[in-house]
Amino acid sequence: MITPVRWLERGRDALDERGRGAWIALMVVAFVAFWPIGLALLAFLIWSNRMSCHRWGRRARFRNAAMEKTGNTAFDSYREDTLKRLEEERDAFVSFLDQLRAAKDRAEFDQFMSGRRTPETA
């Protein structure tokens, strides 16, 4: 006997085999038939990442593979040193930008306060 959960799993698997278009068609039909079901289906599609682009996953896997050891110790140490230096430069630049923002905020605040101190004459 097929349980309702198993029936839903089979339906999900069948739609996954047919791709995004099948999911979109089902969602449109669900919105037309009874909008709360369409809304629930939309929430499920967003939550389960069925509408996401799978290329992003490949990029993440490539990035992880790029960080693995190559076996060439000279290159691996050079890469680690370069990445460490770049991270330090990025941190220094972010710190510099924070100082610039603080200085700009201070100048704007001082200008505001000096404008408040002078009596306005009409």
PDB file of N, CA and C in Angstrom:
ATOM      1  N   MET A   1       0.838  -1.180   0.000  1.00  0.00           N
ATOM      2  CA  MET A   1       0.000   0.000   0.000  1.00  0.00           C
ATOM      3  C   MET A   1       0.887   1.248   0.000  1.00  0.00           C
ATOM      4  N   ILE A   2       0.548   2.204  -0.827  1.00  0.00           N
ATOM      5  CA  ILE A   2       1.319   3.446  -0.915  1.00  0.00           C
ATOM      6  C   ILE A   2       0.752   4.454   0.085  1.00  0.00           C
ATOM      7  N   THR A   3       1.625   4.977   0.914  1.00  0.00           N
ATOM      8  CA  THR A   3       1.215   5.982   1.886  1.00  0.00           C
ATOM      9  C   THR A   3       1.203   7.346   1.215  1.00  0.00           C
ATOM     10  N   PRO A   4       0.498   8.316   1.781  1.00  0.00           N
ATOM     11  CA  PRO A   4       0.477   9.657   1.185  1.00  0.00           C
ATOM     12  C   PRO A   4       1.868  10.281   1.083  1.00  0.00           C
ATOM     13  N   VAL A   5       2.716  10.013   2.054  1.00  0.00           N
ATOM     14  CA  VAL A   5       4.063  10.571   2.007  1.00  0.00           C
ATOM     15  C   VAL A   5       4.831   9.982   0.833  1.00  0.00           C
ATOM     16  N   ARG A   6       4.719   8.673   0.656  1.00  0.00           N
ATOM     17  CA  ARG A   6       5.406   8.018  -0.470  1.00  0.00           C
ATOM     18  C   ARG A   6       4.858   8.525  -1.803  1.00  0.00           C
ATOM     19  N   TRP A   7       3.559   8.774  -1.869  1.00  0.00           N
ATOM     20  CA  TRP A   7       2.935   9.291  -3.076  1.00  0.00           C
ATOM     21  C   TRP A   7       3.492  10.681  -3.402  1.00  0.00           C
ATOM     22  N   LEU A   8       3.641  11.523  -2.377  1.00  0.00           N
ATOM     23  CA  LEU A   8       4.208  12.857  -2.587  1.00  0.00           C
ATOM     24  C   LEU A   8       5.673  12.783  -3.020  1.00  0.00           C
ATOM     25  N   GLU A   9       6.410  11.838  -2.430  1.00  0.00           N
ATOM     26  CA  GLU A   9       7.814  11.674  -2.828  1.00  0.00           C
ATOM     27  C   GLU A   9       7.929  11.240  -4.281  1.00  0.00           C
ATOM     28  N   ARG A  10       7.067  10.330  -4.710  1.00  0.00           N
ATOM     29  CA  ARG A  10       7.090   9.898  -6.106  1.00  0.00           C
ATOM     30  C   ARG A  10       6.746  11.045  -7.044  1.00  0.00           C
ATOM     31  N   GLY A  11       5.761  11.866  -6.662  1.00  0.00           N
ATOM     32  CA  GLY A  11       5.408  13.029  -7.474  1.00  0.00           C
ATOM     33  C   GLY A  11       6.541  14.029  -7.553  1.00  0.00           C
ATOM     34  N   ARG A  12       7.196  14.263  -6.425  1.00  0.00           N
ATOM     35  CA  ARG A  12       8.345  15.178  -6.395  1.00  0.00           C
ATOM     36  C   ARG A  12       9.464  14.676  -7.297  1.00  0.00           C
ATOM     37  N   ASP A  13       9.750  13.382  -7.214  1.00  0.00           N
ATOM     38  CA  ASP A  13      10.813  12.809  -8.042  1.00  0.00           C
ATOM     39  C   ASP A  13      10.466  12.886  -9.523  1.00  0.00           C
ATOM     40  N   ALA A  14       9.195  12.659  -9.854  1.00  0.00           N
ATOM     41  CA  ALA A  14       8.779  12.737 -11.257  1.00  0.00           C
ATOM     42  C   ALA A  14       8.926  14.161 -11.783  1.00  0.00           C
ATOM     43  N   LEU A  15       8.572  15.149 -10.985  1.00  0.00           N
ATOM     44  CA  LEU A  15       8.721  16.545 -11.419  1.00  0.00           C
ATOM     45  C   LEU A  15      10.195  16.927 -11.521  1.00  0.00           C
ATOM     46  N   ASP A  16      11.025  16.420 -10.605  1.00  0.00           N
ATOM     47  CA  ASP A  16      12.456  16.698 -10.679  1.00  0.00           C
ATOM     48  C   ASP A  16      13.059  16.148 -11.970  1.00  0.00           C
ATOM     49  N   GLU A  17      12.579  14.973 -12.413  1.00  0.00           N
ATOM     50  CA  GLU A  17      13.080  14.394 -13.659  1.00  0.00           C
ATOM     51  C   GLU A  17      12.718  15.256 -14.857  1.00  0.00           C
ATOM     52  N   ARG A  18      11.569  15.899 -14.815  1.00  0.00           N
ATOM     53  CA  ARG A  18      11.111  16.716 -15.939  1.00  0.00           C
ATOM     54  C   ARG A  18      11.701  18.127 -15.922  1.00  0.00           C
ATOM     55  N   GLY A  19      12.234  18.545 -14.800  1.00  0.00           N
ATOM     56  CA  GLY A  19      12.947  19.814 -14.738  1.00  0.00           C
ATOM     57  C   GLY A  19      12.130  20.976 -14.203  1.00  0.00           C
ATOM     58  N   ARG A  20      12.720  22.172 -14.347  1.00  0.00           N
ATOM     59  CA  ARG A  20      12.117  23.397 -13.814  1.00  0.00           C
ATOM     60  C   ARG A  20      10.772  23.723 -14.433  1.00  0.00           C
ATOM     61  N   GLY A  21      10.666  23.477 -15.725  1.00  0.00           N
ATOM     62  CA  GLY A  21       9.418  23.806 -16.419  1.00  0.00           C
ATOM     63  C   GLY A  21       8.223  23.103 -15.819  1.00  0.00           C
ATOM     64  N   ALA A  22       8.399  21.842 -15.433  1.00  0.00           N
ATOM     65  CA  ALA A  22       7.310  21.085 -14.819  1.00  0.00           C
ATOM     66  C   ALA A  22       6.916  21.697 -13.477  1.00  0.00           C
ATOM     67  N   TRP A  23       7.896  22.106 -12.696  1.00  0.00           N
ATOM     68  CA  TRP A  23       7.603  22.741 -11.401  1.00  0.00           C
ATOM     69  C   TRP A  23       6.862  24.054 -11.604  1.00  0.00           C
ATOM     70  N   ILE A  24       7.291  24.841 -12.587  1.00  0.00           N
ATOM     71  CA  ILE A  24       6.642  26.129 -12.838  1.00  0.00           C
ATOM     72  C   ILE A  24       5.209  25.916 -13.310  1.00  0.00           C
ATOM     73  N   ALA A  25       5.013  24.940 -14.213  1.00  0.00           N
ATOM     74  CA  ALA A  25       3.658  24.653 -14.701  1.00  0.00           C
ATOM     75  C   ALA A  25       2.749  24.216 -13.556  1.00  0.00           C
ATOM     76  N   LEU A  26       3.256  23.342 -12.690  1.00  0.00           N
ATOM     77  CA  LEU A  26       2.462  22.893 -11.547  1.00  0.00           C
ATOM     78  C   LEU A  26       2.116  24.067 -10.634  1.00  0.00           C
ATOM     79  N   MET A  27       3.064  24.969 -10.417  1.00  0.00           N
ATOM     80  CA  MET A  27       2.814  26.114  -9.555  1.00  0.00           C
ATOM     81  C   MET A  27       1.740  27.020 -10.155  1.00  0.00           C
ATOM     82  N   VAL A  28       1.801  27.256 -11.470  1.00  0.00           N
ATOM     83  CA  VAL A  28       0.798  28.105 -12.122  1.00  0.00           C
ATOM     84  C   VAL A  28      -0.579  27.466 -12.004  1.00  0.00           C
ATOM     85  N   VAL A  29      -0.666  26.164 -12.268  1.00  0.00           N
ATOM     86  CA  VAL A  29      -1.946  25.460 -12.149  1.00  0.00           C
ATOM     87  C   VAL A  29      -2.453  25.528 -10.712  1.00  0.00           C
ATOM     88  N   ALA A  30      -1.557  25.373  -9.747  1.00  0.00           N
ATOM     89  CA  ALA A  30      -1.959  25.423  -8.346  1.00  0.00           C
ATOM     90  C   ALA A  30      -2.474  26.813  -7.970  1.00  0.00           C
ATOM     91  N   PHE A  31      -1.831  27.872  -8.482  1.00  0.00           N
ATOM     92  CA  PHE A  31      -2.320  29.228  -8.198  1.00  0.00           C
ATOM     93  C   PHE A  31      -3.698  29.447  -8.811  1.00  0.00           C
ATOM     94  N   VAL A  32      -3.912  28.926 -10.007  1.00  0.00           N
ATOM     95  CA  VAL A  32      -5.202  29.102 -10.666  1.00  0.00           C
ATOM     96  C   VAL A  32      -6.280  28.308  -9.935  1.00  0.00           C
ATOM     97  N   ALA A  33      -5.965  27.084  -9.533  1.00  0.00           N
ATOM     98  CA  ALA A  33      -6.948  26.224  -8.887  1.00  0.00           C
ATOM     99  C   ALA A  33      -7.302  26.732  -7.485  1.00  0.00           C
ATOM    100  N   PHE A  34      -6.298  26.962  -6.671  1.00  0.00           N
ATOM    101  CA  PHE A  34      -6.537  27.384  -5.291  1.00  0.00           C
ATOM    102  C   PHE A  34      -5.252  28.058  -4.806  1.00  0.00           C
ATOM    103  N   TRP A  35      -5.284  29.384  -4.681  1.00  0.00           N
ATOM    104  CA  TRP A  35      -4.063  30.157  -4.477  1.00  0.00           C
ATOM    105  C   TRP A  35      -3.250  29.753  -3.240  1.00  0.00           C
ATOM    106  N   PRO A  36      -3.842  29.323  -2.119  1.00  0.00           N
ATOM    107  CA  PRO A  36      -2.986  28.919  -0.987  1.00  0.00           C
ATOM    108  C   PRO A  36      -2.079  27.725  -1.324  1.00  0.00           C
ATOM    109  N   ILE A  37      -2.579  26.810  -2.159  1.00  0.00           N
ATOM    110  CA  ILE A  37      -1.734  25.685  -2.558  1.00  0.00           C
ATOM    111  C   ILE A  37      -0.590  26.189  -3.431  1.00  0.00           C
ATOM    112  N   GLY A  38      -0.887  27.121  -4.336  1.00  0.00           N
ATOM    113  CA  GLY A  38       0.161  27.704  -5.168  1.00  0.00           C
ATOM    114  C   GLY A  38       1.196  28.423  -4.335  1.00  0.00           C
ATOM    115  N   LEU A  39       0.742  29.135  -3.326  1.00  0.00           N
ATOM    116  CA  LEU A  39       1.668  29.844  -2.443  1.00  0.00           C
ATOM    117  C   LEU A  39       2.531  28.864  -1.651  1.00  0.00           C
ATOM    118  N   ALA A  40       1.920  27.786  -1.182  1.00  0.00           N
ATOM    119  CA  ALA A  40       2.690  26.770  -0.454  1.00  0.00           C
ATOM    120  C   ALA A  40       3.711  26.112  -1.379  1.00  0.00           C
ATOM    121  N   LEU A  41       3.319  25.864  -2.621  1.00  0.00           N
ATOM    122  CA  LEU A  41       4.247  25.266  -3.578  1.00  0.00           C
ATOM    123  C   LEU A  41       5.394  26.221  -3.885  1.00  0.00           C
ATOM    124  N   LEU A  42       5.099  27.508  -4.023  1.00  0.00           N
ATOM    125  CA  LEU A  42       6.147  28.508  -4.249  1.00  0.00           C
ATOM    126  C   LEU A  42       7.118  28.540  -3.071  1.00  0.00           C
ATOM    127  N   ALA A  43       6.597  28.503  -1.858  1.00  0.00           N
ATOM    128  CA  ALA A  43       7.459  28.487  -0.671  1.00  0.00           C
ATOM    129  C   ALA A  43       8.335  27.240  -0.659  1.00  0.00           C
ATOM    130  N   PHE A  44       7.761  26.097  -1.038  1.00  0.00           N
ATOM    131  CA  PHE A  44       8.540  24.862  -1.092  1.00  0.00           C
ATOM    132  C   PHE A  44       9.646  24.967  -2.129  1.00  0.00           C
ATOM    133  N   LEU A  45       9.352  25.536  -3.289  1.00  0.00           N
ATOM    134  CA  LEU A  45      10.356  25.652  -4.344  1.00  0.00           C
ATOM    135  C   LEU A  45      11.504  26.561  -3.921  1.00  0.00           C
ATOM    136  N   ILE A  46      11.175  27.631  -3.239  1.00  0.00           N
ATOM    137  CA  ILE A  46      12.225  28.543  -2.763  1.00  0.00           C
ATOM    138  C   ILE A  46      13.032  27.883  -1.656  1.00  0.00           C
ATOM    139  N   TRP A  47      12.346  27.244  -0.717  1.00  0.00           N
ATOM    140  CA  TRP A  47      13.021  26.614   0.425  1.00  0.00           C
ATOM    141  C   TRP A  47      13.935  25.484  -0.016  1.00  0.00           C
ATOM    142  N   SER A  48      13.507  24.701  -1.005  1.00  0.00           N
ATOM    143  CA  SER A  48      14.276  23.531  -1.418  1.00  0.00           C
ATOM    144  C   SER A  48      15.321  23.847  -2.477  1.00  0.00           C
ATOM    145  N   ASN A  49      15.424  25.102  -2.883  1.00  0.00           N
ATOM    146  CA  ASN A  49      16.384  25.546  -3.910  1.00  0.00           C
ATOM    147  C   ASN A  49      16.190  24.838  -5.252  1.00  0.00           C
ATOM    148  N   ARG A  50      14.982  24.453  -5.552  1.00  0.00           N
ATOM    149  CA  ARG A  50      14.732  23.796  -6.833  1.00  0.00           C
ATOM    150  C   ARG A  50      14.777  24.784  -7.989  1.00  0.00           C
ATOM    151  N   MET A  51      14.638  26.053  -7.734  1.00  0.00           N
ATOM    152  CA  MET A  51      14.683  27.053  -8.801  1.00  0.00           C
ATOM    153  C   MET A  51      16.044  27.725  -8.893  1.00  0.00           C
ATOM    154  N   SER A  52      16.989  27.287  -8.080  1.00  0.00           N
ATOM    155  CA  SER A  52      18.301  27.931  -8.095  1.00  0.00           C
ATOM    156  C   SER A  52      19.114  27.454  -9.285  1.00  0.00           C
ATOM    157  N   CYS A  53      20.116  28.227  -9.601  1.00  0.00           N
ATOM    158  CA  CYS A  53      21.004  27.899 -10.711  1.00  0.00           C
ATOM    159  C   CYS A  53      22.076  26.951 -10.187  1.00  0.00           C
ATOM    160  N   HIS A  54      22.227  25.819 -10.817  1.00  0.00           N
ATOM    161  CA  HIS A  54      23.174  24.815 -10.329  1.00  0.00           C
ATOM    162  C   HIS A  54      24.617  25.175 -10.648  1.00  0.00           C
ATOM    163  N   ARG A  55      24.827  26.177 -11.502  1.00  0.00           N
ATOM    164  CA  ARG A  55      26.199  26.580 -11.814  1.00  0.00           C
ATOM    165  C   ARG A  55      26.923  27.089 -10.582  1.00  0.00           C
ATOM    166  N   TRP A  56      26.196  27.699  -9.650  1.00  0.00           N
ATOM    167  CA  TRP A  56      26.849  28.224  -8.445  1.00  0.00           C
ATOM    168  C   TRP A  56      27.487  27.099  -7.655  1.00  0.00           C
ATOM    169  N   GLY A  57      26.826  25.946  -7.603  1.00  0.00           N
ATOM    170  CA  GLY A  57      27.387  24.803  -6.893  1.00  0.00           C
ATOM    171  C   GLY A  57      28.688  24.340  -7.526  1.00  0.00           C
ATOM    172  N   ARG A  58      28.743  24.377  -8.865  1.00  0.00           N
ATOM    173  CA  ARG A  58      29.966  23.978  -9.546  1.00  0.00           C
ATOM    174  C   ARG A  58      31.093  24.947  -9.232  1.00  0.00           C
ATOM    175  N   ARG A  59      30.771  26.225  -9.152  1.00  0.00           N
ATOM    176  CA  ARG A  59      31.818  27.204  -8.827  1.00  0.00           C
ATOM    177  C   ARG A  59      32.365  26.961  -7.432  1.00  0.00           C
ATOM    178  N   ALA A  60      31.491  26.653  -6.500  1.00  0.00           N
ATOM    179  CA  ALA A  60      31.950  26.398  -5.130  1.00  0.00           C
ATOM    180  C   ALA A  60      32.835  25.157  -5.096  1.00  0.00           C
ATOM    181  N   ARG A  61      32.453  24.126  -5.847  1.00  0.00           N
ATOM    182  CA  ARG A  61      33.287  22.925  -5.877  1.00  0.00           C
ATOM    183  C   ARG A  61      34.634  23.227  -6.508  1.00  0.00           C
ATOM    184  N   PHE A  62      34.644  24.073  -7.567  1.00  0.00           N
ATOM    185  CA  PHE A  62      35.896  24.438  -8.209  1.00  0.00           C
ATOM    186  C   PHE A  62      36.777  25.217  -7.238  1.00  0.00           C
ATOM    187  N   ARG A  63      36.187  26.127  -6.490  1.00  0.00           N
ATOM    188  CA  ARG A  63      36.945  26.925  -5.535  1.00  0.00           C
ATOM    189  C   ARG A  63      37.571  26.033  -4.471  1.00  0.00           C
ATOM    190  N   ASN A  64      36.812  25.038  -3.994  1.00  0.00           N
ATOM    191  CA  ASN A  64      37.359  24.122  -2.997  1.00  0.00           C
ATOM    192  C   ASN A  64      38.473  23.278  -3.591  1.00  0.00           C
ATOM    193  N   ALA A  65      38.306  22.853  -4.838  1.00  0.00           N
ATOM    194  CA  ALA A  65      39.339  22.050  -5.482  1.00  0.00           C
ATOM    195  C   ALA A  65      40.594  22.887  -5.714  1.00  0.00           C
ATOM    196  N   ALA A  66      40.423  24.177  -5.968  1.00  0.00           N
ATOM    197  CA  ALA A  66      41.568  25.047  -6.213  1.00  0.00           C
ATOM    198  C   ALA A  66      42.396  25.241  -4.948  1.00  0.00           C
ATOM    199  N   MET A  67      41.818  25.066  -3.782  1.00  0.00           N
ATOM    200  CA  MET A  67      42.539  25.271  -2.532  1.00  0.00           C
ATOM    201  C   MET A  67      43.228  24.006  -2.040  1.00  0.00           C
ATOM    202  N   GLU A  68      43.023  22.892  -2.718  1.00  0.00           N
ATOM    203  CA  GLU A  68      43.671  21.658  -2.299  1.00  0.00           C
ATOM    204  C   GLU A  68      45.162  21.709  -2.637  1.00  0.00           C
ATOM    205  N   LYS A  69      45.933  20.919  -1.935  1.00  0.00           N
ATOM    206  CA  LYS A  69      47.368  20.837  -2.184  1.00  0.00           C
ATOM    207  C   LYS A  69      47.623  20.251  -3.563  1.00  0.00           C
ATOM    208  N   THR A  70      48.609  20.800  -4.269  1.00  0.00           N
ATOM    209  CA  THR A  70      48.929  20.310  -5.609  1.00  0.00           C
ATOM    210  C   THR A  70      49.999  19.243  -5.587  1.00  0.00           C
ATOM    211  N   GLY A  71      50.737  19.162  -4.511  1.00  0.00           N
ATOM    212  CA  GLY A  71      51.848  18.218  -4.451  1.00  0.00           C
ATOM    213  C   GLY A  71      53.174  18.909  -4.682  1.00  0.00           C
ATOM    214  N   ASN A  72      53.150  20.097  -5.258  1.00  0.00           N
ATOM    215  CA  ASN A  72      54.347  20.891  -5.475  1.00  0.00           C
ATOM    216  C   ASN A  72      54.475  21.825  -4.278  1.00  0.00           C
ATOM    217  N   THR A  73      55.381  21.533  -3.378  1.00  0.00           N
ATOM    218  CA  THR A  73      55.477  22.293  -2.130  1.00  0.00           C
ATOM    219  C   THR A  73      55.867  23.743  -2.359  1.00  0.00           C
ATOM    220  N   ALA A  74      56.710  24.006  -3.353  1.00  0.00           N
ATOM    221  CA  ALA A  74      57.107  25.390  -3.628  1.00  0.00           C
ATOM    222  C   ALA A  74      55.908  26.212  -4.066  1.00  0.00           C
ATOM    223  N   PHE A  75      55.112  25.659  -4.975  1.00  0.00           N
ATOM    224  CA  PHE A  75      53.933  26.380  -5.444  1.00  0.00           C
ATOM    225  C   PHE A  75      52.912  26.537  -4.332  1.00  0.00           C
ATOM    226  N   ASP A  76      52.691  25.484  -3.544  1.00  0.00           N
ATOM    227  CA  ASP A  76      51.715  25.552  -2.458  1.00  0.00           C
ATOM    228  C   ASP A  76      52.098  26.613  -1.435  1.00  0.00           C
ATOM    229  N   SER A  77      53.386  26.700  -1.082  1.00  0.00           N
ATOM    230  CA  SER A  77      53.802  27.718  -0.112  1.00  0.00           C
ATOM    231  C   SER A  77      53.695  29.111  -0.717  1.00  0.00           C
ATOM    232  N   TYR A  78      54.043  29.257  -2.010  1.00  0.00           N
ATOM    233  CA  TYR A  78      53.897  30.553  -2.684  1.00  0.00           C
ATOM    234  C   TYR A  78      52.433  30.989  -2.691  1.00  0.00           C
ATOM    235  N   ARG A  79      51.533  30.060  -3.014  1.00  0.00           N
ATOM    236  CA  ARG A  79      50.106  30.380  -3.060  1.00  0.00           C
ATOM    237  C   ARG A  79      49.612  30.773  -1.675  1.00  0.00           C
ATOM    238  N   GLU A  80      50.001  30.034  -0.636  1.00  0.00           N
ATOM    239  CA  GLU A  80      49.567  30.361   0.720  1.00  0.00           C
ATOM    240  C   GLU A  80      50.075  31.731   1.152  1.00  0.00           C
ATOM    241  N   ASP A  81      51.345  32.035   0.840  1.00  0.00           N
ATOM    242  CA  ASP A  81      51.909  33.340   1.192  1.00  0.00           C
ATOM    243  C   ASP A  81      51.192  34.463   0.453  1.00  0.00           C
ATOM    244  N   THR A  82      50.919  34.245  -0.825  1.00  0.00           N
ATOM    245  CA  THR A  82      50.238  35.268  -1.614  1.00  0.00           C
ATOM    246  C   THR A  82      48.828  35.504  -1.094  1.00  0.00           C
ATOM    247  N   LEU A  83      48.102  34.437  -0.795  1.00  0.00           N
ATOM    248  CA  LEU A  83      46.749  34.587  -0.267  1.00  0.00           C
ATOM    249  C   LEU A  83      46.754  35.277   1.087  1.00  0.00           C
ATOM    250  N   LYS A  84      47.741  34.943   1.918  1.00  0.00           N
ATOM    251  CA  LYS A  84      47.856  35.594   3.225  1.00  0.00           C
ATOM    252  C   LYS A  84      48.131  37.087   3.056  1.00  0.00           C
ATOM    253  N   ARG A  85      49.038  37.433   2.124  1.00  0.00           N
ATOM    254  CA  ARG A  85      49.359  38.834   1.872  1.00  0.00           C
ATOM    255  C   ARG A  85      48.132  39.582   1.341  1.00  0.00           C
ATOM    256  N   LEU A  86      47.386  38.952   0.438  1.00  0.00           N
ATOM    257  CA  LEU A  86      46.185  39.588  -0.103  1.00  0.00           C
ATOM    258  C   LEU A  86      45.124  39.798   0.975  1.00  0.00           C
ATOM    259  N   GLU A  87      44.977  38.839   1.876  1.00  0.00           N
ATOM    260  CA  GLU A  87      44.027  39.003   2.974  1.00  0.00           C
ATOM    261  C   GLU A  87      44.440  40.152   3.884  1.00  0.00           C
ATOM    262  N   GLU A  88      45.743  40.276   4.165  1.00  0.00           N
ATOM    263  CA  GLU A  88      46.220  41.375   4.993  1.00  0.00           C
ATOM    264  C   GLU A  88      45.978  42.718   4.308  1.00  0.00           C
ATOM    265  N   GLU A  89      46.225  42.784   3.001  1.00  0.00           N
ATOM    266  CA  GLU A  89      45.971  44.021   2.259  1.00  0.00           C
ATOM    267  C   GLU A  89      44.486  44.366   2.247  1.00  0.00           C
ATOM    268  N   ARG A  90      43.644  43.345   2.095  1.00  0.00           N
ATOM    269  CA  ARG A  90      42.201  43.587   2.119  1.00  0.00           C
ATOM    270  C   ARG A  90      41.775  44.116   3.480  1.00  0.00           C
ATOM    271  N   ASP A  91      42.292  43.512   4.557  1.00  0.00           N
ATOM    272  CA  ASP A  91      41.954  43.976   5.898  1.00  0.00           C
ATOM    273  C   ASP A  91      42.412  45.416   6.119  1.00  0.00           C
ATOM    274  N   ALA A  92      43.617  45.750   5.626  1.00  0.00           N
ATOM    275  CA  ALA A  92      44.116  47.111   5.767  1.00  0.00           C
ATOM    276  C   ALA A  92      43.243  48.082   4.978  1.00  0.00           C
ATOM    277  N   PHE A  93      42.816  47.680   3.789  1.00  0.00           N
ATOM    278  CA  PHE A  93      41.974  48.550   2.973  1.00  0.00           C
ATOM    279  C   PHE A  93      40.608  48.755   3.614  1.00  0.00           C
ATOM    280  N   VAL A  94      40.026  47.692   4.170  1.00  0.00           N
ATOM    281  CA  VAL A  94      38.738  47.813   4.852  1.00  0.00           C
ATOM    282  C   VAL A  94      38.874  48.738   6.053  1.00  0.00           C
ATOM    283  N   SER A  95      39.976  48.627   6.775  1.00  0.00           N
ATOM    284  CA  SER A  95      40.227  49.515   7.908  1.00  0.00           C
ATOM    285  C   SER A  95      40.341  50.965   7.443  1.00  0.00           C
ATOM    286  N   PHE A  96      41.048  51.180   6.329  1.00  0.00           N
ATOM    287  CA  PHE A  96      41.187  52.516   5.763  1.00  0.00           C
ATOM    288  C   PHE A  96      39.824  53.088   5.375  1.00  0.00           C
ATOM    289  N   LEU A  97      38.985  52.273   4.737  1.00  0.00           N
ATOM    290  CA  LEU A  97      37.647  52.735   4.367  1.00  0.00           C
ATOM    291  C   LEU A  97      36.813  53.074   5.594  1.00  0.00           C
ATOM    292  N   ASP A  98      36.943  52.284   6.648  1.00  0.00           N
ATOM    293  CA  ASP A  98      36.222  52.583   7.887  1.00  0.00           C
ATOM    294  C   ASP A  98      36.665  53.921   8.465  1.00  0.00           C
ATOM    295  N   GLN A  99      37.976  54.197   8.419  1.00  0.00           N
ATOM    296  CA  GLN A  99      38.485  55.476   8.915  1.00  0.00           C
ATOM    297  C   GLN A  99      37.959  56.632   8.068  1.00  0.00           C
ATOM    298  N   LEU A 100      37.911  56.438   6.747  1.00  0.00           N
ATOM    299  CA  LEU A 100      37.375  57.483   5.872  1.00  0.00           C
ATOM    300  C   LEU A 100      35.909  57.759   6.168  1.00  0.00           C
ATOM    301  N   ARG A 101      35.137  56.697   6.359  1.00  0.00           N
ATOM    302  CA  ARG A 101      33.710  56.874   6.678  1.00  0.00           C
ATOM    303  C   ARG A 101      33.545  57.597   8.010  1.00  0.00           C
ATOM    304  N   ALA A 102      34.363  57.228   8.994  1.00  0.00           N
ATOM    305  CA  ALA A 102      34.272  57.885  10.304  1.00  0.00           C
ATOM    306  C   ALA A 102      34.633  59.356  10.192  1.00  0.00           C
ATOM    307  N   ALA A 103      35.670  59.668   9.399  1.00  0.00           N
ATOM    308  CA  ALA A 103      36.062  61.070   9.231  1.00  0.00           C
ATOM    309  C   ALA A 103      34.961  61.849   8.517  1.00  0.00           C
ATOM    310  N   LYS A 104      34.356  61.252   7.508  1.00  0.00           N
ATOM    311  CA  LYS A 104      33.268  61.929   6.786  1.00  0.00           C
ATOM    312  C   LYS A 104      32.077  62.146   7.706  1.00  0.00           C
ATOM    313  N   ASP A 105      31.732  61.116   8.494  1.00  0.00           N
ATOM    314  CA  ASP A 105      30.625  61.256   9.442  1.00  0.00           C
ATOM    315  C   ASP A 105      30.916  62.355  10.459  1.00  0.00           C
ATOM    316  N   ARG A 106      32.166  62.404  10.939  1.00  0.00           N
ATOM    317  CA  ARG A 106      32.543  63.429  11.920  1.00  0.00           C
ATOM    318  C   ARG A 106      32.425  64.820  11.291  1.00  0.00           C
ATOM    319  N   ALA A 107      32.899  64.984  10.053  1.00  0.00           N
ATOM    320  CA  ALA A 107      32.828  66.289   9.386  1.00  0.00           C
ATOM    321  C   ALA A 107      31.378  66.708   9.174  1.00  0.00           C
ATOM    322  N   GLU A 108      30.524  65.778   8.749  1.00  0.00           N
ATOM    323  CA  GLU A 108      29.111  66.115   8.550  1.00  0.00           C
ATOM    324  C   GLU A 108      28.443  66.468   9.870  1.00  0.00           C
ATOM    325  N   PHE A 109      28.773  65.738  10.925  1.00  0.00           N
ATOM    326  CA  PHE A 109      28.192  66.035  12.227  1.00  0.00           C
ATOM    327  C   PHE A 109      28.657  67.398  12.732  1.00  0.00           C
ATOM    328  N   ASP A 110      29.955  67.685  12.579  1.00  0.00           N
ATOM    329  CA  ASP A 110      30.477  68.992  13.007  1.00  0.00           C
ATOM    330  C   ASP A 110      29.817  70.120  12.226  1.00  0.00           C
ATOM    331  N   GLN A 111      29.600  69.911  10.926  1.00  0.00           N
ATOM    332  CA  GLN A 111      28.937  70.931  10.113  1.00  0.00           C
ATOM    333  C   GLN A 111      27.503  71.129  10.598  1.00  0.00           C
ATOM    334  N   PHE A 112      26.818  70.049  10.918  1.00  0.00           N
ATOM    335  CA  PHE A 112      25.456  70.141  11.435  1.00  0.00           C
ATOM    336  C   PHE A 112      25.426  70.895  12.753  1.00  0.00           C
ATOM    337  N   MET A 113      26.356  70.563  13.655  1.00  0.00           N
ATOM    338  CA  MET A 113      26.383  71.210  14.959  1.00  0.00           C
ATOM    339  C   MET A 113      26.735  72.684  14.834  1.00  0.00           C
ATOM    340  N   SER A 114      27.652  73.042  13.949  1.00  0.00           N
ATOM    341  CA  SER A 114      27.998  74.448  13.790  1.00  0.00           C
ATOM    342  C   SER A 114      26.838  75.225  13.190  1.00  0.00           C
ATOM    343  N   GLY A 115      26.041  74.573  12.354  1.00  0.00           N
ATOM    344  CA  GLY A 115      24.853  75.220  11.802  1.00  0.00           C
ATOM    345  C   GLY A 115      23.790  75.436  12.861  1.00  0.00           C
ATOM    346  N   ARG A 116      23.727  74.571  13.838  1.00  0.00           N
ATOM    347  CA  ARG A 116      22.750  74.720  14.918  1.00  0.00           C
ATOM    348  C   ARG A 116      23.154  75.801  15.887  1.00  0.00           C
ATOM    349  N   ARG A 117      24.448  76.021  16.071  1.00  0.00           N
ATOM    350  CA  ARG A 117      24.934  76.991  17.070  1.00  0.00           C
ATOM    351  C   ARG A 117      24.689  78.429  16.610  1.00  0.00           C
ATOM    352  N   THR A 118      24.798  78.671  15.323  1.00  0.00           N
ATOM    353  CA  THR A 118      24.608  80.051  14.847  1.00  0.00           C
ATOM    354  C   THR A 118      23.136  80.393  14.874  1.00  0.00           C
ATOM    355  N   PRO A 119      22.792  81.551  15.444  1.00  0.00           N
ATOM    356  CA  PRO A 119      21.373  81.927  15.512  1.00  0.00           C
ATOM    357  C   PRO A 119      20.862  82.253  14.105  1.00  0.00           C
ATOM    358  N   GLU A 120      19.687  81.746  13.828  1.00  0.00           N
ATOM    359  CA  GLU A 120      19.081  82.025  12.535  1.00  0.00           C
ATOM    360  C   GLU A 120      18.357  83.361  12.601  1.00  0.00           C
ATOM    361  N   THR A 121      18.610  84.193  11.635  1.00  0.00           N
ATOM    362  CA  THR A 121      17.911  85.478  11.568  1.00  0.00           C
ATOM    363  C   THR A 121      16.990  85.461  10.379  1.00  0.00           C
ATOM    364  N   ALA A 122      15.776  85.925  10.600  1.00  0.00           N
ATOM    365  CA  ALA A 122      14.796  85.890   9.523  1.00  0.00           C
ATOM    366  C   ALA A 122      14.542  87.248   8.945  1.00  0.00           C
TER     367      ALA A 122
END
